[in-house]
């Protein structure tokens, strides 16, 4: 099951999720979650958190900032095989719909900014 499938199942039972830093706040009616449900959520926490945080970022109004000397041609998110298209100061991936903004590195050769899914901008500084 993917994070989307899990969230849809739980939301159908009245369970709501809110990202809170590296944690997920769960709002659920009494008795809505079994011990097996909690174990499933713990086992899939990283994927669920990545999905929840992606929903709020990566838009044209709130693009992901990538500090790099140049942008790669391919989308930087794992699992997305789309190509980035430049649109002014922004880059867009038609495959996943994410927007990125390239900014120069703040220090020579080293800057790390977490983009989610275990991807950091330091991967693209060379």
PDB file of N, CA and C in Angstrom:
ATOM      1  N   UNK A   1       0.835  -1.192   0.000  1.00  0.00           N
ATOM      2  CA  UNK A   1       0.000   0.000   0.000  1.00  0.00           C
ATOM      3  C   UNK A   1       0.871   1.243   0.000  1.00  0.00           C
ATOM      4  N   UNK A   2       0.504   2.224  -0.784  1.00  0.00           N
ATOM      5  CA  UNK A   2       1.245   3.479  -0.817  1.00  0.00           C
ATOM      6  C   UNK A   2       0.737   4.406   0.283  1.00  0.00           C
ATOM      7  N   UNK A   3       1.446   5.497   0.489  1.00  0.00           N
ATOM      8  CA  UNK A   3       1.029   6.483   1.490  1.00  0.00           C
ATOM      9  C   UNK A   3      -0.351   7.033   1.149  1.00  0.00           C
ATOM     10  N   UNK A   4      -0.614   7.254  -0.121  1.00  0.00           N
ATOM     11  CA  UNK A   4      -1.912   7.786  -0.539  1.00  0.00           C
ATOM     12  C   UNK A   4      -3.017   6.793  -0.196  1.00  0.00           C
ATOM     13  N   UNK A   5      -2.776   5.501  -0.454  1.00  0.00           N
ATOM     14  CA  UNK A   5      -3.769   4.468  -0.130  1.00  0.00           C
ATOM     15  C   UNK A   5      -4.028   4.421   1.375  1.00  0.00           C
ATOM     16  N   UNK A   6      -2.950   4.454   2.152  1.00  0.00           N
ATOM     17  CA  UNK A   6      -3.094   4.413   3.612  1.00  0.00           C
ATOM     18  C   UNK A   6      -3.872   5.620   4.123  1.00  0.00           C
ATOM     19  N   UNK A   7      -3.498   6.810   3.647  1.00  0.00           N
ATOM     20  CA  UNK A   7      -4.173   8.020   4.105  1.00  0.00           C
ATOM     21  C   UNK A   7      -5.648   7.992   3.719  1.00  0.00           C
ATOM     22  N   UNK A   8      -5.954   7.528   2.512  1.00  0.00           N
ATOM     23  CA  UNK A   8      -7.351   7.459   2.080  1.00  0.00           C
ATOM     24  C   UNK A   8      -8.141   6.510   2.974  1.00  0.00           C
ATOM     25  N   UNK A   9      -7.561   5.371   3.301  1.00  0.00           N
ATOM     26  CA  UNK A   9      -8.230   4.400   4.178  1.00  0.00           C
ATOM     27  C   UNK A   9      -8.501   5.002   5.556  1.00  0.00           C
ATOM     28  N   UNK A  10      -7.475   5.604   6.137  1.00  0.00           N
ATOM     29  CA  UNK A  10      -7.640   6.177   7.478  1.00  0.00           C
ATOM     30  C   UNK A  10      -8.582   7.384   7.461  1.00  0.00           C
ATOM     31  N   UNK A  11      -8.480   8.217   6.441  1.00  0.00           N
ATOM     32  CA  UNK A  11      -9.358   9.384   6.377  1.00  0.00           C
ATOM     33  C   UNK A  11     -10.815   8.969   6.212  1.00  0.00           C
ATOM     34  N   UNK A  12     -11.031   7.823   5.551  1.00  0.00           N
ATOM     35  CA  UNK A  12     -12.384   7.288   5.435  1.00  0.00           C
ATOM     36  C   UNK A  12     -12.975   6.887   6.781  1.00  0.00           C
ATOM     37  N   UNK A  13     -12.102   6.663   7.750  1.00  0.00           N
ATOM     38  CA  UNK A  13     -12.542   6.320   9.114  1.00  0.00           C
ATOM     39  C   UNK A  13     -12.518   7.532  10.043  1.00  0.00           C
ATOM     40  N   UNK A  14     -12.342   8.713   9.469  1.00  0.00           N
ATOM     41  CA  UNK A  14     -12.364   9.938  10.270  1.00  0.00           C
ATOM     42  C   UNK A  14     -11.035  10.326  10.885  1.00  0.00           C
ATOM     43  N   UNK A  15      -9.951   9.672  10.470  1.00  0.00           N
ATOM     44  CA  UNK A  15      -8.626   9.967  11.010  1.00  0.00           C
ATOM     45  C   UNK A  15      -7.990  11.062  10.140  1.00  0.00           C
ATOM     46  N   UNK A  16      -7.434  12.061  10.779  1.00  0.00           N
ATOM     47  CA  UNK A  16      -6.785  13.176  10.075  1.00  0.00           C
ATOM     48  C   UNK A  16      -5.309  13.221  10.458  1.00  0.00           C
ATOM     49  N   UNK A  17      -4.488  13.700   9.537  1.00  0.00           N
ATOM     50  CA  UNK A  17      -3.038  13.762   9.738  1.00  0.00           C
ATOM     51  C   UNK A  17      -2.545  15.168   9.458  1.00  0.00           C
ATOM     52  N   UNK A  18      -1.576  15.609  10.271  1.00  0.00           N
ATOM     53  CA  UNK A  18      -0.969  16.932  10.092  1.00  0.00           C
ATOM     54  C   UNK A  18       0.531  16.805  10.336  1.00  0.00           C
ATOM     55  N   UNK A  19       1.354  17.226   9.351  1.00  0.00           N
ATOM     56  CA  UNK A  19       2.801  17.170   9.577  1.00  0.00           C
ATOM     57  C   UNK A  19       3.218  18.181  10.633  1.00  0.00           C
ATOM     58  N   UNK A  20       4.164  17.788  11.472  1.00  0.00           N
ATOM     59  CA  UNK A  20       4.680  18.658  12.529  1.00  0.00           C
ATOM     60  C   UNK A  20       6.177  18.413  12.632  1.00  0.00           C
ATOM     61  N   UNK A  21       6.949  19.082  11.778  1.00  0.00           N
ATOM     62  CA  UNK A  21       8.386  18.859  11.740  1.00  0.00           C
ATOM     63  C   UNK A  21       8.670  17.450  11.262  1.00  0.00           C
ATOM     64  N   UNK A  22       9.352  16.673  12.082  1.00  0.00           N
ATOM     65  CA  UNK A  22       9.659  15.289  11.736  1.00  0.00           C
ATOM     66  C   UNK A  22       8.626  14.318  12.302  1.00  0.00           C
ATOM     67  N   UNK A  23       7.529  14.849  12.792  1.00  0.00           N
ATOM     68  CA  UNK A  23       6.481  14.032  13.401  1.00  0.00           C
ATOM     69  C   UNK A  23       5.180  14.204  12.634  1.00  0.00           C
ATOM     70  N   UNK A  24       4.258  13.298  12.876  1.00  0.00           N
ATOM     71  CA  UNK A  24       2.924  13.387  12.299  1.00  0.00           C
ATOM     72  C   UNK A  24       1.931  13.459  13.444  1.00  0.00           C
ATOM     73  N   UNK A  25       1.153  14.519  13.465  1.00  0.00           N
ATOM     74  CA  UNK A  25       0.089  14.633  14.461  1.00  0.00           C
ATOM     75  C   UNK A  25      -1.122  13.888  13.909  1.00  0.00           C
ATOM     76  N   UNK A  26      -1.679  13.002  14.703  1.00  0.00           N
ATOM     77  CA  UNK A  26      -2.827  12.201  14.288  1.00  0.00           C
ATOM     78  C   UNK A  26      -4.026  12.605  15.131  1.00  0.00           C
ATOM     79  N   UNK A  27      -5.102  12.990  14.456  1.00  0.00           N
ATOM     80  CA  UNK A  27      -6.344  13.351  15.124  1.00  0.00           C
ATOM     81  C   UNK A  27      -7.354  12.281  14.735  1.00  0.00           C
ATOM     82  N   UNK A  28      -7.801  11.513  15.712  1.00  0.00           N
ATOM     83  CA  UNK A  28      -8.679  10.378  15.409  1.00  0.00           C
ATOM     84  C   UNK A  28      -9.770  10.234  16.454  1.00  0.00           C
ATOM     85  N   UNK A  29     -10.944   9.806  15.997  1.00  0.00           N
ATOM     86  CA  UNK A  29     -12.003   9.499  16.967  1.00  0.00           C
ATOM     87  C   UNK A  29     -11.574   8.336  17.856  1.00  0.00           C
ATOM     88  N   UNK A  30     -12.095   8.292  19.057  1.00  0.00           N
ATOM     89  CA  UNK A  30     -11.769   7.203  19.993  1.00  0.00           C
ATOM     90  C   UNK A  30     -12.071   5.856  19.352  1.00  0.00           C
ATOM     91  N   UNK A  31     -11.103   4.953  19.432  1.00  0.00           N
ATOM     92  CA  UNK A  31     -11.276   3.605  18.911  1.00  0.00           C
ATOM     93  C   UNK A  31     -11.087   3.459  17.409  1.00  0.00           C
ATOM     94  N   UNK A  32     -10.742   4.550  16.719  1.00  0.00           N
ATOM     95  CA  UNK A  32     -10.599   4.483  15.257  1.00  0.00           C
ATOM     96  C   UNK A  32      -9.332   3.752  14.829  1.00  0.00           C
ATOM     97  N   UNK A  33      -8.313   3.730  15.689  1.00  0.00           N
ATOM     98  CA  UNK A  33      -7.041   3.098  15.349  1.00  0.00           C
ATOM     99  C   UNK A  33      -6.785   1.872  16.220  1.00  0.00           C
ATOM    100  N   UNK A  34      -6.507   0.774  15.560  1.00  0.00           N
ATOM    101  CA  UNK A  34      -6.146  -0.454  16.277  1.00  0.00           C
ATOM    102  C   UNK A  34      -4.633  -0.487  16.482  1.00  0.00           C
ATOM    103  N   UNK A  35      -4.161  -1.456  17.246  1.00  0.00           N
ATOM    104  CA  UNK A  35      -2.717  -1.621  17.423  1.00  0.00           C
ATOM    105  C   UNK A  35      -2.039  -1.916  16.078  1.00  0.00           C
ATOM    106  N   UNK A  36      -2.700  -2.699  15.225  1.00  0.00           N
ATOM    107  CA  UNK A  36      -2.152  -2.978  13.893  1.00  0.00           C
ATOM    108  C   UNK A  36      -2.067  -1.711  13.048  1.00  0.00           C
ATOM    109  N   UNK A  37      -3.077  -0.831  13.174  1.00  0.00           N
ATOM    110  CA  UNK A  37      -3.054   0.435  12.446  1.00  0.00           C
ATOM    111  C   UNK A  37      -1.864   1.286  12.880  1.00  0.00           C
ATOM    112  N   UNK A  38      -1.635   1.360  14.168  1.00  0.00           N
ATOM    113  CA  UNK A  38      -0.513   2.141  14.700  1.00  0.00           C
ATOM    114  C   UNK A  38       0.811   1.570  14.191  1.00  0.00           C
ATOM    115  N   UNK A  39       0.939   0.246  14.170  1.00  0.00           N
ATOM    116  CA  UNK A  39       2.154  -0.387  13.655  1.00  0.00           C
ATOM    117  C   UNK A  39       2.341  -0.075  12.174  1.00  0.00           C
ATOM    118  N   UNK A  40       1.259  -0.085  11.405  1.00  0.00           N
ATOM    119  CA  UNK A  40       1.322   0.244   9.977  1.00  0.00           C
ATOM    120  C   UNK A  40       1.759   1.691   9.780  1.00  0.00           C
ATOM    121  N   UNK A  41       1.209   2.592  10.577  1.00  0.00           N
ATOM    122  CA  UNK A  41       1.601   4.003  10.480  1.00  0.00           C
ATOM    123  C   UNK A  41       3.072   4.197  10.818  1.00  0.00           C
ATOM    124  N   UNK A  42       3.534   3.533  11.857  1.00  0.00           N
ATOM    125  CA  UNK A  42       4.953   3.644  12.228  1.00  0.00           C
ATOM    126  C   UNK A  42       5.850   3.108  11.127  1.00  0.00           C
ATOM    127  N   UNK A  43       5.462   1.986  10.523  1.00  0.00           N
ATOM    128  CA  UNK A  43       6.279   1.368   9.476  1.00  0.00           C
ATOM    129  C   UNK A  43       6.322   2.221   8.207  1.00  0.00           C
ATOM    130  N   UNK A  44       5.295   3.040   7.997  1.00  0.00           N
ATOM    131  CA  UNK A  44       5.208   3.856   6.777  1.00  0.00           C
ATOM    132  C   UNK A  44       5.339   5.349   7.056  1.00  0.00           C
ATOM    133  N   UNK A  45       5.852   5.697   8.227  1.00  0.00           N
ATOM    134  CA  UNK A  45       5.918   7.101   8.648  1.00  0.00           C
ATOM    135  C   UNK A  45       6.668   7.974   7.651  1.00  0.00           C
ATOM    136  N   UNK A  46       7.811   7.540   7.192  1.00  0.00           N
ATOM    137  CA  UNK A  46       8.622   8.375   6.293  1.00  0.00           C
ATOM    138  C   UNK A  46       7.873   8.685   5.007  1.00  0.00           C
ATOM    139  N   UNK A  47       7.241   7.688   4.424  1.00  0.00           N
ATOM    140  CA  UNK A  47       6.507   7.896   3.178  1.00  0.00           C
ATOM    141  C   UNK A  47       5.282   8.786   3.398  1.00  0.00           C
ATOM    142  N   UNK A  48       4.580   8.581   4.499  1.00  0.00           N
ATOM    143  CA  UNK A  48       3.406   9.402   4.809  1.00  0.00           C
ATOM    144  C   UNK A  48       3.820  10.844   5.055  1.00  0.00           C
ATOM    145  N   UNK A  49       4.880  11.042   5.829  1.00  0.00           N
ATOM    146  CA  UNK A  49       5.357  12.397   6.120  1.00  0.00           C
ATOM    147  C   UNK A  49       5.800  13.099   4.840  1.00  0.00           C
ATOM    148  N   UNK A  50       6.493  12.385   3.972  1.00  0.00           N
ATOM    149  CA  UNK A  50       6.916  12.969   2.698  1.00  0.00           C
ATOM    150  C   UNK A  50       5.708  13.401   1.876  1.00  0.00           C
ATOM    151  N   UNK A  51       4.683  12.579   1.845  1.00  0.00           N
ATOM    152  CA  UNK A  51       3.479  12.931   1.094  1.00  0.00           C
ATOM    153  C   UNK A  51       2.781  14.142   1.710  1.00  0.00           C
ATOM    154  N   UNK A  52       2.643  14.156   3.021  1.00  0.00           N
ATOM    155  CA  UNK A  52       1.950  15.259   3.685  1.00  0.00           C
ATOM    156  C   UNK A  52       2.679  16.583   3.498  1.00  0.00           C
ATOM    157  N   UNK A  53       3.993  16.571   3.526  1.00  0.00           N
ATOM    158  CA  UNK A  53       4.740  17.820   3.373  1.00  0.00           C
ATOM    159  C   UNK A  53       4.816  18.243   1.915  1.00  0.00           C
ATOM    160  N   UNK A  54       4.760  17.300   0.987  1.00  0.00           N
ATOM    161  CA  UNK A  54       4.752  17.652  -0.435  1.00  0.00           C
ATOM    162  C   UNK A  54       3.485  18.392  -0.815  1.00  0.00           C
ATOM    163  N   UNK A  55       2.394  18.058  -0.189  1.00  0.00           N
ATOM    164  CA  UNK A  55       1.122  18.665  -0.560  1.00  0.00           C
ATOM    165  C   UNK A  55       1.126  20.177  -0.351  1.00  0.00           C
ATOM    166  N   UNK A  56       1.914  20.674   0.590  1.00  0.00           N
ATOM    167  CA  UNK A  56       1.903  22.095   0.901  1.00  0.00           C
ATOM    168  C   UNK A  56       3.013  22.873   0.201  1.00  0.00           C
ATOM    169  N   UNK A  57       3.978  22.212  -0.355  1.00  0.00           N
ATOM    170  CA  UNK A  57       5.116  22.900  -0.966  1.00  0.00           C
ATOM    171  C   UNK A  57       5.253  22.476  -2.419  1.00  0.00           C
ATOM    172  N   UNK A  58       6.134  23.168  -3.119  1.00  0.00           N
ATOM    173  CA  UNK A  58       6.398  22.812  -4.497  1.00  0.00           C
ATOM    174  C   UNK A  58       5.447  23.443  -5.491  1.00  0.00           C
ATOM    175  N   UNK A  59       4.626  24.386  -5.033  1.00  0.00           N
ATOM    176  CA  UNK A  59       3.716  25.076  -5.935  1.00  0.00           C
ATOM    177  C   UNK A  59       4.422  26.268  -6.556  1.00  0.00           C
ATOM    178  N   UNK A  60       3.794  26.871  -7.535  1.00  0.00           N
ATOM    179  CA  UNK A  60       4.407  28.034  -8.181  1.00  0.00           C
ATOM    180  C   UNK A  60       4.560  29.187  -7.188  1.00  0.00           C
ATOM    181  N   UNK A  61       3.663  29.282  -6.225  1.00  0.00           N
ATOM    182  CA  UNK A  61       3.766  30.339  -5.202  1.00  0.00           C
ATOM    183  C   UNK A  61       4.722  29.987  -4.082  1.00  0.00           C
ATOM    184  N   UNK A  62       4.999  28.714  -3.917  1.00  0.00           N
ATOM    185  CA  UNK A  62       5.886  28.251  -2.851  1.00  0.00           C
ATOM    186  C   UNK A  62       6.807  27.152  -3.398  1.00  0.00           C
ATOM    187  N   UNK A  63       7.697  27.519  -4.332  1.00  0.00           N
ATOM    188  CA  UNK A  63       8.556  26.490  -4.935  1.00  0.00           C
ATOM    189  C   UNK A  63       9.608  25.994  -3.944  1.00  0.00           C
ATOM    190  N   UNK A  64      10.066  24.774  -4.167  1.00  0.00           N
ATOM    191  CA  UNK A  64      11.184  24.257  -3.376  1.00  0.00           C
ATOM    192  C   UNK A  64      12.438  25.004  -3.804  1.00  0.00           C
ATOM    193  N   UNK A  65      13.180  25.503  -2.825  1.00  0.00           N
ATOM    194  CA  UNK A  65      14.434  26.196  -3.113  1.00  0.00           C
ATOM    195  C   UNK A  65      15.551  25.159  -3.201  1.00  0.00           C
ATOM    196  N   UNK A  66      16.292  25.219  -4.283  1.00  0.00           N
ATOM    197  CA  UNK A  66      17.439  24.344  -4.481  1.00  0.00           C
ATOM    198  C   UNK A  66      18.662  25.238  -4.598  1.00  0.00           C
ATOM    199  N   UNK A  67      19.583  25.096  -3.663  1.00  0.00           N
ATOM    200  CA  UNK A  67      20.818  25.887  -3.715  1.00  0.00           C
ATOM    201  C   UNK A  67      21.857  25.071  -4.462  1.00  0.00           C
ATOM    202  N   UNK A  68      22.136  25.510  -5.676  1.00  0.00           N
ATOM    203  CA  UNK A  68      23.047  24.756  -6.537  1.00  0.00           C
ATOM    204  C   UNK A  68      23.597  25.684  -7.614  1.00  0.00           C
ATOM    205  N   UNK A  69      24.736  25.295  -8.174  1.00  0.00           N
ATOM    206  CA  UNK A  69      25.321  26.072  -9.264  1.00  0.00           C
ATOM    207  C   UNK A  69      24.511  25.912 -10.549  1.00  0.00           C
ATOM    208  N   UNK A  70      23.955  24.707 -10.743  1.00  0.00           N
ATOM    209  CA  UNK A  70      23.080  24.482 -11.893  1.00  0.00           C
ATOM    210  C   UNK A  70      22.066  23.409 -11.526  1.00  0.00           C
ATOM    211  N   UNK A  71      20.945  23.463 -12.192  1.00  0.00           N
ATOM    212  CA  UNK A  71      19.890  22.480 -11.942  1.00  0.00           C
ATOM    213  C   UNK A  71      20.122  21.254 -12.806  1.00  0.00           C
ATOM    214  N   UNK A  72      19.773  20.089 -12.283  1.00  0.00           N
ATOM    215  CA  UNK A  72      19.844  18.892 -13.121  1.00  0.00           C
ATOM    216  C   UNK A  72      18.734  18.936 -14.168  1.00  0.00           C
ATOM    217  N   UNK A  73      18.836  18.109 -15.172  1.00  0.00           N
ATOM    218  CA  UNK A  73      17.790  18.048 -16.198  1.00  0.00           C
ATOM    219  C   UNK A  73      16.580  17.262 -15.713  1.00  0.00           C
ATOM    220  N   UNK A  74      16.843  16.262 -14.863  1.00  0.00           N
ATOM    221  CA  UNK A  74      15.773  15.406 -14.374  1.00  0.00           C
ATOM    222  C   UNK A  74      15.229  15.937 -13.052  1.00  0.00           C
ATOM    223  N   UNK A  75      13.967  15.632 -12.802  1.00  0.00           N
ATOM    224  CA  UNK A  75      13.344  16.003 -11.528  1.00  0.00           C
ATOM    225  C   UNK A  75      14.159  15.398 -10.390  1.00  0.00           C
ATOM    226  N   UNK A  76      14.261  16.117  -9.287  1.00  0.00           N
ATOM    227  CA  UNK A  76      15.136  15.681  -8.205  1.00  0.00           C
ATOM    228  C   UNK A  76      14.454  14.776  -7.195  1.00  0.00           C
ATOM    229  N   UNK A  77      13.158  14.512  -7.340  1.00  0.00           N
ATOM    230  CA  UNK A  77      12.466  13.648  -6.397  1.00  0.00           C
ATOM    231  C   UNK A  77      12.568  12.196  -6.821  1.00  0.00           C
ATOM    232  N   UNK A  78      12.832  11.331  -5.821  1.00  0.00           N
ATOM    233  CA  UNK A  78      12.882   9.891  -6.078  1.00  0.00           C
ATOM    234  C   UNK A  78      11.550   9.430  -6.647  1.00  0.00           C
ATOM    235  N   UNK A  79      11.625   8.554  -7.622  1.00  0.00           N
ATOM    236  CA  UNK A  79      10.418   7.991  -8.200  1.00  0.00           C
ATOM    237  C   UNK A  79       9.831   8.809  -9.326  1.00  0.00           C
ATOM    238  N   UNK A  80      10.267  10.036  -9.485  1.00  0.00           N
ATOM    239  CA  UNK A  80       9.781  10.867 -10.585  1.00  0.00           C
ATOM    240  C   UNK A  80      10.822  10.826 -11.697  1.00  0.00           C
ATOM    241  N   UNK A  81      10.405  10.503 -12.876  1.00  0.00           N
ATOM    242  CA  UNK A  81      11.329  10.411 -14.003  1.00  0.00           C
ATOM    243  C   UNK A  81      11.139  11.556 -14.981  1.00  0.00           C
ATOM    244  N   UNK A  82      10.446  12.616 -14.535  1.00  0.00           N
ATOM    245  CA  UNK A  82      10.185  13.758 -15.402  1.00  0.00           C
ATOM    246  C   UNK A  82      11.411  14.629 -15.610  1.00  0.00           C
ATOM    247  N   UNK A  83      11.332  15.475 -16.625  1.00  0.00           N
ATOM    248  CA  UNK A  83      12.406  16.430 -16.909  1.00  0.00           C
ATOM    249  C   UNK A  83      11.983  17.811 -16.443  1.00  0.00           C
ATOM    250  N   UNK A  84      12.968  18.579 -15.988  1.00  0.00           N
ATOM    251  CA  UNK A  84      12.696  19.934 -15.535  1.00  0.00           C
ATOM    252  C   UNK A  84      12.721  20.890 -16.727  1.00  0.00           C
ATOM    253  N   UNK A  85      11.747  21.800 -16.750  1.00  0.00           N
ATOM    254  CA  UNK A  85      11.652  22.831 -17.774  1.00  0.00           C
ATOM    255  C   UNK A  85      11.816  24.173 -17.085  1.00  0.00           C
ATOM    256  N   UNK A  86      12.662  25.016 -17.652  1.00  0.00           N
ATOM    257  CA  UNK A  86      12.890  26.333 -17.045  1.00  0.00           C
ATOM    258  C   UNK A  86      11.787  27.290 -17.468  1.00  0.00           C
ATOM    259  N   UNK A  87      11.286  28.016 -16.485  1.00  0.00           N
ATOM    260  CA  UNK A  87      10.279  29.056 -16.705  1.00  0.00           C
ATOM    261  C   UNK A  87      10.711  30.286 -15.921  1.00  0.00           C
ATOM    262  N   UNK A  88      11.494  31.132 -16.549  1.00  0.00           N
ATOM    263  CA  UNK A  88      12.048  32.290 -15.857  1.00  0.00           C
ATOM    264  C   UNK A  88      13.033  31.841 -14.803  1.00  0.00           C
ATOM    265  N   UNK A  89      12.798  32.218 -13.557  1.00  0.00           N
ATOM    266  CA  UNK A  89      13.666  31.816 -12.452  1.00  0.00           C
ATOM    267  C   UNK A  89      13.237  30.484 -11.841  1.00  0.00           C
ATOM    268  N   UNK A  90      12.145  29.916 -12.333  1.00  0.00           N
ATOM    269  CA  UNK A  90      11.631  28.671 -11.781  1.00  0.00           C
ATOM    270  C   UNK A  90      11.863  27.515 -12.739  1.00  0.00           C
ATOM    271  N   UNK A  91      11.845  26.316 -12.167  1.00  0.00           N
ATOM    272  CA  UNK A  91      11.923  25.086 -12.949  1.00  0.00           C
ATOM    273  C   UNK A  91      10.674  24.283 -12.613  1.00  0.00           C
ATOM    274  N   UNK A  92      10.122  23.615 -13.624  1.00  0.00           N
ATOM    275  CA  UNK A  92       8.870  22.898 -13.455  1.00  0.00           C
ATOM    276  C   UNK A  92       9.012  21.472 -13.978  1.00  0.00           C
ATOM    277  N   UNK A  93       8.460  20.515 -13.242  1.00  0.00           N
ATOM    278  CA  UNK A  93       8.421  19.124 -13.683  1.00  0.00           C
ATOM    279  C   UNK A  93       6.979  18.793 -14.043  1.00  0.00           C
ATOM    280  N   UNK A  94       6.718  18.564 -15.324  1.00  0.00           N
ATOM    281  CA  UNK A  94       5.359  18.249 -15.772  1.00  0.00           C
ATOM    282  C   UNK A  94       4.900  16.882 -15.277  1.00  0.00           C
ATOM    283  N   UNK A  95       5.843  15.979 -15.016  1.00  0.00           N
ATOM    284  CA  UNK A  95       5.468  14.629 -14.580  1.00  0.00           C
ATOM    285  C   UNK A  95       4.853  14.624 -13.188  1.00  0.00           C
ATOM    286  N   UNK A  96       5.444  15.379 -12.243  1.00  0.00           N
ATOM    287  CA  UNK A  96       4.915  15.378 -10.876  1.00  0.00           C
ATOM    288  C   UNK A  96       4.262  16.710 -10.487  1.00  0.00           C
ATOM    289  N   UNK A  97       4.441  17.735 -11.327  1.00  0.00           N
ATOM    290  CA  UNK A  97       3.795  19.016 -11.067  1.00  0.00           C
ATOM    291  C   UNK A  97       4.492  19.913 -10.065  1.00  0.00           C
ATOM    292  N   UNK A  98       5.742  19.577  -9.705  1.00  0.00           N
ATOM    293  CA  UNK A  98       6.470  20.360  -8.716  1.00  0.00           C
ATOM    294  C   UNK A  98       7.219  21.511  -9.349  1.00  0.00           C
ATOM    295  N   UNK A  99       7.310  22.599  -8.588  1.00  0.00           N
ATOM    296  CA  UNK A  99       8.079  23.779  -8.990  1.00  0.00           C
ATOM    297  C   UNK A  99       9.312  23.900  -8.101  1.00  0.00           C
ATOM    298  N   UNK A 100      10.418  24.311  -8.706  1.00  0.00           N
ATOM    299  CA  UNK A 100      11.680  24.495  -7.994  1.00  0.00           C
ATOM    300  C   UNK A 100      12.251  25.858  -8.346  1.00  0.00           C
ATOM    301  N   UNK A 101      12.958  26.450  -7.403  1.00  0.00           N
ATOM    302  CA  UNK A 101      13.660  27.710  -7.633  1.00  0.00           C
ATOM    303  C   UNK A 101      15.134  27.494  -7.331  1.00  0.00           C
ATOM    304  N   UNK A 102      15.987  27.730  -8.327  1.00  0.00           N
ATOM    305  CA  UNK A 102      17.424  27.592  -8.119  1.00  0.00           C
ATOM    306  C   UNK A 102      17.974  28.897  -7.591  1.00  0.00           C
ATOM    307  N   UNK A 103      18.749  28.766  -6.535  1.00  0.00           N
ATOM    308  CA  UNK A 103      19.476  29.915  -5.981  1.00  0.00           C
ATOM    309  C   UNK A 103      20.925  29.494  -5.833  1.00  0.00           C
ATOM    310  N   UNK A 104      21.848  30.450  -5.917  1.00  0.00           N
ATOM    311  CA  UNK A 104      23.259  30.081  -5.775  1.00  0.00           C
ATOM    312  C   UNK A 104      23.562  29.546  -4.380  1.00  0.00           C
ATOM    313  N   UNK A 105      24.572  28.686  -4.286  1.00  0.00           N
ATOM    314  CA  UNK A 105      24.969  28.180  -2.967  1.00  0.00           C
ATOM    315  C   UNK A 105      25.367  29.334  -2.051  1.00  0.00           C
ATOM    316  N   UNK A 106      25.089  29.183  -0.752  1.00  0.00           N
ATOM    317  CA  UNK A 106      25.440  30.242   0.193  1.00  0.00           C
ATOM    318  C   UNK A 106      26.890  30.155   0.634  1.00  0.00           C
ATOM    319  N   UNK A 107      27.484  28.984   0.501  1.00  0.00           N
ATOM    320  CA  UNK A 107      28.898  28.849   0.809  1.00  0.00           C
ATOM    321  C   UNK A 107      29.534  28.019  -0.293  1.00  0.00           C
ATOM    322  N   UNK A 108      30.799  28.286  -0.622  1.00  0.00           N
ATOM    323  CA  UNK A 108      31.420  27.617  -1.756  1.00  0.00           C
ATOM    324  C   UNK A 108      31.440  26.097  -1.605  1.00  0.00           C
ATOM    325  N   UNK A 109      30.778  25.426  -2.527  1.00  0.00           N
ATOM    326  CA  UNK A 109      30.856  23.979  -2.599  1.00  0.00           C
ATOM    327  C   UNK A 109      30.091  23.207  -1.554  1.00  0.00           C
ATOM    328  N   UNK A 110      29.401  23.886  -0.639  1.00  0.00           N
ATOM    329  CA  UNK A 110      28.700  23.106   0.378  1.00  0.00           C
ATOM    330  C   UNK A 110      27.488  23.853   0.899  1.00  0.00           C
ATOM    331  N   UNK A 111      26.348  23.277   0.704  1.00  0.00           N
ATOM    332  CA  UNK A 111      25.119  23.781   1.289  1.00  0.00           C
ATOM    333  C   UNK A 111      24.148  22.614   1.296  1.00  0.00           C
ATOM    334  N   UNK A 112      23.540  22.373   2.411  1.00  0.00           N
ATOM    335  CA  UNK A 112      22.621  21.252   2.500  1.00  0.00           C
ATOM    336  C   UNK A 112      21.253  21.781   2.896  1.00  0.00           C
ATOM    337  N   UNK A 113      20.279  21.467   2.108  1.00  0.00           N
ATOM    338  CA  UNK A 113      18.900  21.786   2.439  1.00  0.00           C
ATOM    339  C   UNK A 113      18.077  20.546   2.144  1.00  0.00           C
ATOM    340  N   UNK A 114      17.357  20.074   3.128  1.00  0.00           N
ATOM    341  CA  UNK A 114      16.560  18.862   2.983  1.00  0.00           C
ATOM    342  C   UNK A 114      15.355  19.146   2.101  1.00  0.00           C
ATOM    343  N   UNK A 115      15.190  18.358   1.037  1.00  0.00           N
ATOM    344  CA  UNK A 115      14.062  18.512   0.137  1.00  0.00           C
ATOM    345  C   UNK A 115      12.994  17.457   0.379  1.00  0.00           C
ATOM    346  N   UNK A 116      13.185  16.628   1.364  1.00  0.00           N
ATOM    347  CA  UNK A 116      12.255  15.533   1.594  1.00  0.00           C
ATOM    348  C   UNK A 116      12.724  14.292   0.855  1.00  0.00           C
ATOM    349  N   UNK A 117      12.183  13.169   1.195  1.00  0.00           N
ATOM    350  CA  UNK A 117      12.539  11.884   0.583  1.00  0.00           C
ATOM    351  C   UNK A 117      14.028  11.593   0.677  1.00  0.00           C
ATOM    352  N   UNK A 118      14.722  12.162   1.661  1.00  0.00           N
ATOM    353  CA  UNK A 118      16.146  11.892   1.818  1.00  0.00           C
ATOM    354  C   UNK A 118      17.009  12.578   0.792  1.00  0.00           C
ATOM    355  N   UNK A 119      16.471  13.549   0.059  1.00  0.00           N
ATOM    356  CA  UNK A 119      17.218  14.250  -0.980  1.00  0.00           C
ATOM    357  C   UNK A 119      17.695  15.576  -0.403  1.00  0.00           C
ATOM    358  N   UNK A 120      18.947  15.898  -0.630  1.00  0.00           N
ATOM    359  CA  UNK A 120      19.459  17.193  -0.194  1.00  0.00           C
ATOM    360  C   UNK A 120      20.078  17.908  -1.379  1.00  0.00           C
ATOM    361  N   UNK A 121      20.107  19.224  -1.283  1.00  0.00           N
ATOM    362  CA  UNK A 121      20.665  19.998  -2.389  1.00  0.00           C
ATOM    363  C   UNK A 121      22.167  19.796  -2.525  1.00  0.00           C
ATOM    364  N   UNK A 122      22.824  19.289  -1.506  1.00  0.00           N
ATOM    365  CA  UNK A 122      24.267  19.068  -1.634  1.00  0.00           C
ATOM    366  C   UNK A 122      24.575  18.057  -2.736  1.00  0.00           C
ATOM    367  N   UNK A 123      23.579  17.241  -3.108  1.00  0.00           N
ATOM    368  CA  UNK A 123      23.761  16.288  -4.187  1.00  0.00           C
ATOM    369  C   UNK A 123      23.966  16.976  -5.530  1.00  0.00           C
ATOM    370  N   UNK A 124      23.578  18.255  -5.656  1.00  0.00           N
ATOM    371  CA  UNK A 124      23.596  18.930  -6.950  1.00  0.00           C
ATOM    372  C   UNK A 124      24.571  20.098  -7.016  1.00  0.00           C
ATOM    373  N   UNK A 125      25.493  20.190  -6.087  1.00  0.00           N
ATOM    374  CA  UNK A 125      26.412  21.331  -6.059  1.00  0.00           C
ATOM    375  C   UNK A 125      27.601  21.166  -6.987  1.00  0.00           C
ATOM    376  N   UNK A 126      27.879  20.000  -7.430  1.00  0.00           N
ATOM    377  CA  UNK A 126      29.030  19.789  -8.302  1.00  0.00           C
ATOM    378  C   UNK A 126      28.629  19.782  -9.747  1.00  0.00           C
TER     379      UNK A 126
END
